[in-house]
Amino acid sequence: MNRIVIWLVLSCKRWLKRPAFVAILLLLPLAGVFVRKAEETKQTEIRIAVYAMDSDGGSEAARAEAGVAGAESELFSGPLEQKLVEVLTADREQSSDSLFRFYRCASEEQVKEDVAARRAECGYVVEDDLRKRLNDRDFKRCIRVYSAPSTVTAPLSSEVVLSRLLELYDPEVLRDYVQKAELFDGISLRESEKRSRLAEEAVELYETWKGNGSTFRFVYQWTDGGGDRAEESQVRLFPVRGLVAVYLLVTGMYSAAVNLADERRGLFLAVSYRYRVFCRGISLAAPVLLAACSGMAMLVLARAAISPCRELVGMIWYGAAVVIFSGVLRVVCRKEAVICGLIPFFLVGSLLFCPVFLDMGRFVPELSFVEKFFLPGYYLRWFTP
């Protein structure tokens, strides 16, 4: 037993004398720190510039055409373009988890400059007399969009702008419909009160059913744990665990190639035949052990670890699986050049078919079986059942 322990220590010391290997061992924990810092300081919001043109005279004309009296509710008062900008910028202040952050600009030129300087991903300029133009069905160029050629957020943010505009304008459409439609002519009210009262009730019902959550309701629930699971299951843009799994596999395969070269040079002849098999296995497992420690440090420093017990058990069985797989590969191939030639195949295959960057099985179900031929897939599925 003492000889095995001594051989393990000597094997680890031997690998630690390789500058490239030590550099990679240290690089993984440092990368974990970098990932954590980047996720703590990164800006997740997408800035969108917005500007509404002045409509002092046009707004009064639009209100007169829409039949809005001075004593009418605040819902239909004021220029529609200004209200749209207020609603969009209010979303920025009230919602801390919104993807888009709209901010008001002082002029159209500022919108263009911010988009050109990439201070904003895109920008919107709302024309004046927006209410009048919508009533006249003059939709062309009501809202102009400025976007950088490389951005893909303009179509997404346009959906947000359109939804906010419809929230403001739909009650007016409903009110006008109730006031003018022949469907409500048979209501037994005095002619002077009939349309206005029905219009008010329709708008009140619209606001009630729009915001009480009874029309659409989404419930999000974790199915495998309590509230702490939500914090542990954050979506991470950097595939920390996947890269650790692939790194261990490559390390094990390279260790098998080095092990064959050592045997060819007669390194194990100094050991008695009784301990020779154990020493070969320990020499093969030593770099995997060091890589596993480095990978665990990266997971912890990057805050990608779920729980100490689960991480330790997963790393132990995966490290053992890598050693066994590399040992079998060593026996089958018998030449280090063949094993080194297989490393790119398993590296690329693990990155493509295992859920390291992307789970191909969800998009192309016919390729899901290919993952079973690559060891990192089993380790990743252990944490993402």
Protein backbone atom coordinates (compact mmCIF):
# COMPACT_ATOMS: atom_id res chain seq x y z
CA MET A 1 0.00 0.00 0.00
CA ASN A 2 2.85 2.37 0.84
CA ARG A 3 4.43 1.70 -2.54
CA ILE A 4 1.17 2.60 -4.31
CA VAL A 5 0.85 5.86 -2.37
CA ILE A 6 4.49 6.71 -3.05
CA TRP A 7 3.99 5.95 -6.75
CA LEU A 8 0.92 8.23 -6.83
CA VAL A 9 2.84 11.08 -5.22
CA LEU A 10 5.78 10.62 -7.58
CA SER A 11 3.45 10.47 -10.59
CA CYS A 12 1.71 13.69 -9.56
CA LYS A 13 5.07 15.41 -9.00
CA ARG A 14 6.19 14.23 -12.42
CA TRP A 15 3.16 15.80 -14.12
CA LEU A 16 3.53 18.98 -12.09
CA LYS A 17 6.98 19.45 -13.63
CA ARG A 18 5.36 19.95 -17.03
CA PRO A 19 4.91 23.74 -17.47
CA ALA A 20 2.10 23.45 -20.01
CA PHE A 21 0.10 21.07 -17.84
CA VAL A 22 0.56 23.24 -14.74
CA ALA A 23 -0.46 26.32 -16.72
CA ILE A 24 -3.74 24.66 -17.70
CA LEU A 25 -4.35 23.51 -14.12
CA LEU A 26 -3.98 27.09 -12.90
CA LEU A 27 -5.86 28.56 -15.85
CA LEU A 28 -9.10 26.76 -15.05
CA PRO A 29 -9.59 28.25 -11.55
CA LEU A 30 -8.55 31.67 -12.86
CA ALA A 31 -11.11 31.31 -15.64
CA GLY A 32 -13.71 30.49 -12.98
CA VAL A 33 -12.92 33.73 -11.16
CA PHE A 34 -13.13 35.63 -14.43
CA VAL A 35 -16.51 34.09 -15.28
CA ARG A 36 -17.89 34.98 -11.86
CA LYS A 37 -16.65 38.56 -12.08
CA ALA A 38 -17.99 38.91 -15.60
CA GLU A 39 -21.43 37.65 -14.56
CA GLU A 40 -21.48 39.96 -11.55
CA THR A 41 -20.54 43.07 -13.50
CA LYS A 42 -22.02 42.39 -16.91
CA GLN A 43 -24.81 44.64 -18.16
CA THR A 44 -27.77 42.47 -19.02
CA GLU A 45 -30.00 45.28 -20.22
CA ILE A 46 -30.28 46.42 -23.83
CA ARG A 47 -30.49 50.19 -24.13
CA ILE A 48 -33.08 51.57 -26.55
CA ALA A 49 -33.32 55.28 -27.39
CA VAL A 50 -36.75 56.79 -27.92
CA TYR A 51 -37.94 60.29 -28.86
CA ALA A 52 -41.40 61.73 -29.50
CA MET A 53 -41.78 64.80 -31.67
CA ASP A 54 -43.61 67.83 -30.30
CA SER A 55 -47.28 67.91 -31.16
CA ASP A 56 -48.72 71.03 -29.55
CA GLY A 57 -51.17 71.86 -32.26
CA GLY A 58 -51.64 68.40 -33.67
CA SER A 59 -52.65 66.89 -30.37
CA GLU A 60 -55.58 69.26 -29.99
CA ALA A 61 -56.76 68.47 -33.49
CA ALA A 62 -56.50 64.76 -32.82
CA ARG A 63 -58.43 65.08 -29.58
CA ALA A 64 -61.16 67.10 -31.28
CA GLU A 65 -61.50 64.54 -34.03
CA ALA A 66 -61.65 61.68 -31.53
CA GLY A 67 -64.42 63.47 -29.61
CA VAL A 68 -62.42 63.87 -26.42
CA ALA A 69 -63.85 66.57 -24.22
CA GLY A 70 -61.90 68.61 -21.73
CA ALA A 71 -63.51 66.82 -18.81
CA GLU A 72 -62.77 63.35 -20.23
CA SER A 73 -60.78 60.82 -18.26
CA GLU A 74 -57.02 61.00 -18.25
CA LEU A 75 -56.88 57.77 -20.25
CA PHE A 76 -57.55 59.66 -23.52
CA SER A 77 -55.95 63.00 -22.67
CA GLY A 78 -52.60 64.25 -23.90
CA PRO A 79 -50.63 63.49 -27.07
CA LEU A 80 -50.49 59.76 -27.72
CA GLU A 81 -46.84 59.88 -28.79
CA GLN A 82 -45.80 61.50 -25.51
CA LYS A 83 -47.78 58.96 -23.51
CA LEU A 84 -46.11 56.15 -25.43
CA VAL A 85 -42.66 57.46 -24.52
CA GLU A 86 -43.71 57.87 -20.89
CA VAL A 87 -44.96 54.28 -20.71
CA LEU A 88 -41.79 52.89 -22.31
CA THR A 89 -39.47 54.80 -20.01
CA ALA A 90 -41.64 53.92 -17.00
CA ASP A 91 -41.04 50.23 -17.77
CA ARG A 92 -37.35 50.95 -17.27
CA GLU A 93 -37.93 52.35 -13.79
CA GLN A 94 -40.54 49.86 -12.55
CA SER A 95 -39.16 46.56 -13.86
CA SER A 96 -35.68 45.50 -12.78
CA ASP A 97 -35.66 42.27 -14.81
CA SER A 98 -36.73 43.67 -18.16
CA LEU A 99 -34.49 42.89 -21.10
CA PHE A 100 -34.90 46.29 -22.75
CA ARG A 101 -34.24 49.66 -21.15
CA PHE A 102 -35.87 52.55 -22.98
CA TYR A 103 -34.57 56.03 -22.27
CA ARG A 104 -35.80 59.37 -23.56
CA CYS A 105 -33.74 61.48 -25.95
CA ALA A 106 -33.99 65.21 -26.45
CA SER A 107 -34.03 65.14 -30.24
CA GLU A 108 -34.00 62.89 -33.26
CA GLU A 109 -30.35 63.76 -33.81
CA GLN A 110 -29.50 62.41 -30.35
CA VAL A 111 -31.20 59.13 -31.25
CA LYS A 112 -29.11 58.87 -34.41
CA GLU A 113 -25.89 59.71 -32.57
CA ASP A 114 -26.52 57.21 -29.76
CA VAL A 115 -27.24 54.43 -32.23
CA ALA A 116 -24.19 55.32 -34.35
CA ALA A 117 -21.96 55.35 -31.24
CA ARG A 118 -23.54 52.06 -30.00
CA ARG A 119 -24.68 53.71 -26.80
CA ALA A 120 -28.06 52.31 -27.84
CA GLU A 121 -28.75 49.14 -29.81
CA CYS A 122 -31.51 50.89 -31.71
CA GLY A 123 -33.70 53.98 -31.49
CA TYR A 124 -37.31 54.96 -32.14
CA VAL A 125 -38.63 58.32 -33.29
CA VAL A 126 -42.39 58.72 -32.86
CA GLU A 127 -44.04 61.21 -35.22
CA ASP A 128 -46.30 63.97 -33.93
CA ASP A 129 -50.10 63.71 -34.18
CA LEU A 130 -49.80 59.95 -33.74
CA ARG A 131 -53.43 59.62 -32.62
CA LYS A 132 -54.70 61.49 -35.67
CA ARG A 133 -52.59 59.45 -38.05
CA LEU A 134 -53.80 56.19 -36.52
CA ASN A 135 -57.40 57.35 -36.76
CA ASP A 136 -56.83 58.24 -40.41
CA ARG A 137 -55.19 54.84 -41.04
CA ASP A 138 -52.01 56.66 -42.04
CA PHE A 139 -49.63 54.09 -40.56
CA LYS A 140 -46.65 54.59 -42.84
CA ARG A 141 -43.61 56.00 -41.00
CA CYS A 142 -45.60 56.76 -37.86
CA ILE A 143 -42.69 55.37 -35.89
CA ARG A 144 -39.23 55.31 -37.44
CA VAL A 145 -36.53 52.91 -36.32
CA TYR A 146 -32.79 53.53 -36.36
CA SER A 147 -30.62 50.48 -35.79
CA ALA A 148 -27.01 49.43 -36.26
CA PRO A 149 -26.38 46.96 -39.11
CA SER A 150 -25.03 44.31 -36.73
CA THR A 151 -27.85 44.39 -34.18
CA VAL A 152 -30.63 41.82 -34.02
CA THR A 153 -32.63 43.47 -31.26
CA ALA A 154 -34.64 45.90 -33.39
CA PRO A 155 -37.38 43.36 -34.33
CA LEU A 156 -37.63 42.23 -30.69
CA SER A 157 -37.84 45.72 -29.23
CA SER A 158 -40.36 46.66 -31.93
CA GLU A 159 -42.71 44.09 -30.45
CA VAL A 160 -42.42 45.84 -27.08
CA VAL A 161 -43.09 49.25 -28.61
CA LEU A 162 -46.07 47.93 -30.54
CA SER A 163 -47.54 46.21 -27.48
CA ARG A 164 -47.29 49.41 -25.41
CA LEU A 165 -48.86 51.41 -28.22
CA LEU A 166 -51.78 48.98 -28.47
CA GLU A 167 -52.32 49.14 -24.71
CA LEU A 168 -52.76 52.90 -25.04
CA TYR A 169 -54.68 53.03 -28.29
CA ASP A 170 -56.98 49.99 -28.04
CA PRO A 171 -59.27 51.59 -25.40
CA GLU A 172 -59.81 54.51 -27.76
CA VAL A 173 -60.68 52.14 -30.61
CA LEU A 174 -63.13 50.33 -28.34
CA ARG A 175 -64.69 53.58 -27.17
CA ASP A 176 -65.14 54.83 -30.75
CA TYR A 177 -66.64 51.50 -31.78
CA VAL A 178 -69.20 51.59 -28.98
CA GLN A 179 -70.11 55.18 -29.80
CA LYS A 180 -70.61 54.56 -33.52
CA ALA A 181 -71.61 50.91 -33.97
CA GLU A 182 -75.25 50.13 -34.81
CA LEU A 183 -75.10 47.11 -32.53
CA PHE A 184 -75.87 49.29 -29.50
CA ASP A 185 -78.68 51.35 -31.03
CA GLY A 186 -81.40 49.30 -29.30
CA ILE A 187 -80.27 50.06 -25.74
CA SER A 188 -83.11 51.78 -23.88
CA LEU A 189 -81.32 54.93 -22.72
CA ARG A 190 -81.90 58.55 -23.56
CA GLU A 191 -80.14 59.45 -26.80
CA SER A 192 -77.91 61.98 -25.06
CA GLU A 193 -76.64 59.45 -22.52
CA LYS A 194 -76.69 56.21 -24.45
CA ARG A 195 -73.39 56.24 -26.28
CA SER A 196 -71.25 57.99 -23.66
CA ARG A 197 -72.33 55.72 -20.81
CA LEU A 198 -71.83 52.56 -22.83
CA ALA A 199 -68.42 53.79 -23.95
CA GLU A 200 -67.35 54.47 -20.37
CA GLU A 201 -68.50 51.02 -19.22
CA ALA A 202 -66.75 49.34 -22.14
CA VAL A 203 -63.46 51.08 -21.35
CA GLU A 204 -63.75 50.19 -17.65
CA LEU A 205 -64.35 46.53 -18.50
CA TYR A 206 -61.43 46.60 -20.93
CA GLU A 207 -59.06 47.90 -18.26
CA THR A 208 -60.35 45.37 -15.72
CA TRP A 209 -59.96 42.33 -17.94
CA LYS A 210 -56.62 43.54 -19.25
CA GLY A 211 -54.91 43.76 -15.88
CA ASN A 212 -56.61 41.31 -13.49
CA GLY A 213 -54.71 38.27 -14.77
CA SER A 214 -57.85 36.30 -15.64
CA THR A 215 -57.30 36.32 -19.39
CA PHE A 216 -53.78 34.87 -19.42
CA ARG A 217 -51.86 33.54 -16.47
CA PHE A 218 -48.44 31.88 -16.38
CA VAL A 219 -47.25 29.88 -13.40
CA TYR A 220 -43.54 28.98 -13.11
CA GLN A 221 -42.70 26.17 -10.72
CA TRP A 222 -39.54 24.20 -9.97
CA THR A 223 -40.33 20.49 -10.12
CA ASP A 224 -37.21 19.16 -8.40
CA GLY A 225 -36.74 21.22 -5.27
CA GLY A 226 -37.64 24.20 -3.18
CA GLY A 227 -36.94 27.86 -3.43
CA ASP A 228 -33.18 27.45 -3.21
CA ARG A 229 -33.26 25.56 -6.48
CA ALA A 230 -34.12 28.77 -8.33
CA GLU A 231 -30.84 30.33 -7.29
CA GLU A 232 -28.89 27.21 -8.16
CA SER A 233 -30.40 26.83 -11.63
CA GLN A 234 -29.37 30.11 -13.12
CA VAL A 235 -28.88 30.13 -16.85
CA ARG A 236 -25.20 30.53 -17.55
CA LEU A 237 -23.88 31.78 -20.86
CA PHE A 238 -20.41 30.27 -20.22
CA PRO A 239 -20.44 26.42 -20.24
CA VAL A 240 -18.25 25.89 -17.19
CA ARG A 241 -19.30 22.34 -16.34
CA GLY A 242 -19.17 21.18 -19.96
CA LEU A 243 -15.65 22.43 -20.49
CA VAL A 244 -14.50 20.78 -17.26
CA ALA A 245 -15.96 17.46 -18.41
CA VAL A 246 -14.28 17.68 -21.82
CA TYR A 247 -10.98 18.73 -20.23
CA LEU A 248 -10.94 15.67 -17.98
CA LEU A 249 -11.64 13.38 -20.93
CA VAL A 250 -8.82 14.86 -23.02
CA THR A 251 -6.47 14.69 -20.03
CA GLY A 252 -7.26 11.01 -19.49
CA MET A 253 -6.72 10.14 -23.16
CA TYR A 254 -3.43 12.03 -23.30
CA SER A 255 -2.36 10.32 -20.08
CA ALA A 256 -3.03 6.94 -21.74
CA ALA A 257 -0.76 7.93 -24.64
CA VAL A 258 2.00 9.03 -22.24
CA ASN A 259 1.53 5.80 -20.28
CA LEU A 260 2.16 3.72 -23.40
CA ALA A 261 5.27 5.76 -24.16
CA ASP A 262 6.54 5.21 -20.60
CA GLU A 263 5.97 1.49 -20.89
CA ARG A 264 7.84 1.38 -24.19
CA ARG A 265 10.79 3.16 -22.53
CA GLY A 266 10.80 0.57 -19.71
CA LEU A 267 9.69 2.88 -16.91
CA PHE A 268 7.69 0.15 -15.15
CA LEU A 269 10.40 -2.51 -15.33
CA ALA A 270 11.87 -1.22 -12.08
CA VAL A 271 8.66 -2.22 -10.32
CA SER A 272 7.98 -5.82 -9.40
CA TYR A 273 5.45 -7.63 -11.55
CA ARG A 274 3.12 -7.83 -8.56
CA TYR A 275 2.68 -4.04 -8.42
CA ARG A 276 3.26 -3.27 -12.10
CA VAL A 277 -0.45 -3.20 -13.06
CA PHE A 278 -1.31 -0.95 -10.13
CA CYS A 279 1.54 1.42 -10.95
CA ARG A 280 0.42 1.67 -14.56
CA GLY A 281 -3.09 2.52 -13.46
CA ILE A 282 -1.87 5.05 -10.91
CA SER A 283 0.37 6.73 -13.48
CA LEU A 284 -2.60 6.97 -15.81
CA ALA A 285 -4.91 8.29 -13.08
CA ALA A 286 -2.53 10.89 -11.60
CA PRO A 287 -3.11 13.66 -14.20
CA VAL A 288 -6.86 12.96 -14.15
CA LEU A 289 -6.82 13.44 -10.37
CA LEU A 290 -5.00 16.77 -10.73
CA ALA A 291 -7.36 17.86 -13.51
CA ALA A 292 -10.38 16.90 -11.39
CA CYS A 293 -9.12 19.06 -8.51
CA SER A 294 -8.59 21.95 -10.90
CA GLY A 295 -12.05 21.43 -12.41
CA MET A 296 -13.68 21.38 -8.98
CA ALA A 297 -11.92 24.63 -8.13
CA MET A 298 -13.23 26.18 -11.34
CA LEU A 299 -16.79 25.08 -10.61
CA VAL A 300 -16.64 26.52 -7.10
CA LEU A 301 -15.00 29.80 -8.10
CA ALA A 302 -17.40 30.27 -11.02
CA ARG A 303 -20.34 29.53 -8.68
CA ALA A 304 -21.48 26.75 -10.98
CA ALA A 305 -21.44 24.10 -8.23
CA ILE A 306 -24.81 22.86 -7.02
CA SER A 307 -23.99 21.20 -3.71
CA PRO A 308 -20.70 19.91 -2.24
CA CYS A 309 -21.89 16.32 -1.86
CA ARG A 310 -23.40 16.10 -5.33
CA GLU A 311 -20.39 17.74 -6.94
CA LEU A 312 -17.92 15.48 -5.12
CA VAL A 313 -19.79 12.29 -5.96
CA GLY A 314 -20.22 13.35 -9.58
CA MET A 315 -16.55 14.24 -9.98
CA ILE A 316 -15.37 10.98 -8.35
CA TRP A 317 -17.44 8.70 -10.55
CA TYR A 318 -16.72 10.71 -13.69
CA GLY A 319 -12.99 10.77 -12.97
CA ALA A 320 -13.06 7.02 -12.39
CA ALA A 321 -15.00 6.56 -15.65
CA VAL A 322 -12.40 8.63 -17.53
CA VAL A 323 -9.56 6.53 -16.08
CA ILE A 324 -11.32 3.28 -16.98
CA PHE A 325 -12.14 4.50 -20.49
CA SER A 326 -8.55 5.67 -21.03
CA GLY A 327 -7.23 2.36 -19.70
CA VAL A 328 -9.42 0.40 -22.12
CA LEU A 329 -8.33 2.68 -24.95
CA ARG A 330 -4.72 2.05 -23.97
CA VAL A 331 -5.18 -1.72 -24.13
CA VAL A 332 -7.07 -1.63 -27.44
CA CYS A 333 -4.89 0.84 -29.33
CA ARG A 334 -1.46 -0.16 -27.99
CA LYS A 335 0.15 2.82 -29.75
CA GLU A 336 0.33 6.34 -28.41
CA ALA A 337 0.08 7.83 -31.93
CA VAL A 338 -3.32 6.19 -32.41
CA ILE A 339 -4.61 7.54 -29.10
CA CYS A 340 -3.35 11.05 -29.89
CA GLY A 341 -5.09 10.78 -33.24
CA LEU A 342 -8.38 9.93 -31.50
CA ILE A 343 -8.22 12.92 -29.14
CA PRO A 344 -9.49 15.46 -31.74
CA PHE A 345 -12.34 13.10 -32.66
CA PHE A 346 -13.57 12.76 -29.08
CA LEU A 347 -12.95 16.45 -28.39
CA VAL A 348 -15.02 17.71 -31.31
CA GLY A 349 -17.66 15.02 -30.84
CA SER A 350 -18.09 15.91 -27.16
CA LEU A 351 -18.42 19.61 -27.95
CA LEU A 352 -20.93 19.01 -30.74
CA PHE A 353 -23.12 16.18 -29.50
CA CYS A 354 -22.96 16.60 -25.71
CA PRO A 355 -24.85 19.48 -24.04
CA VAL A 356 -21.72 21.57 -23.54
CA PHE A 357 -22.70 24.62 -25.55
CA LEU A 358 -25.98 23.41 -27.04
CA ASP A 359 -28.20 20.38 -26.56
CA MET A 360 -28.45 19.10 -30.13
CA GLY A 361 -30.85 16.34 -29.13
CA ARG A 362 -33.60 18.87 -28.46
CA PHE A 363 -33.29 20.42 -31.91
CA VAL A 364 -32.46 17.29 -33.91
CA PRO A 365 -33.88 14.27 -32.03
CA GLU A 366 -32.32 11.91 -34.59
CA LEU A 367 -28.86 12.87 -33.29
CA SER A 368 -29.60 12.33 -29.60
CA PHE A 369 -28.23 8.77 -29.66
CA VAL A 370 -24.78 10.02 -30.75
CA GLU A 371 -24.30 11.59 -27.31
CA LYS A 372 -24.16 8.11 -25.76
CA PHE A 373 -20.80 7.46 -27.43
CA PHE A 374 -19.13 10.36 -25.61
CA LEU A 375 -18.38 10.23 -21.90
CA PRO A 376 -18.97 13.92 -20.99
CA GLY A 377 -22.64 13.53 -21.88
CA TYR A 378 -23.21 11.16 -18.97
CA TYR A 379 -21.56 13.55 -16.53
CA LEU A 380 -23.58 16.53 -17.76
CA ARG A 381 -26.84 14.58 -17.64
CA TRP A 382 -26.06 13.74 -14.01
CA PHE A 383 -26.63 17.41 -13.20
CA THR A 384 -29.29 18.13 -15.85
CA PRO A 385 -31.69 15.17 -15.78
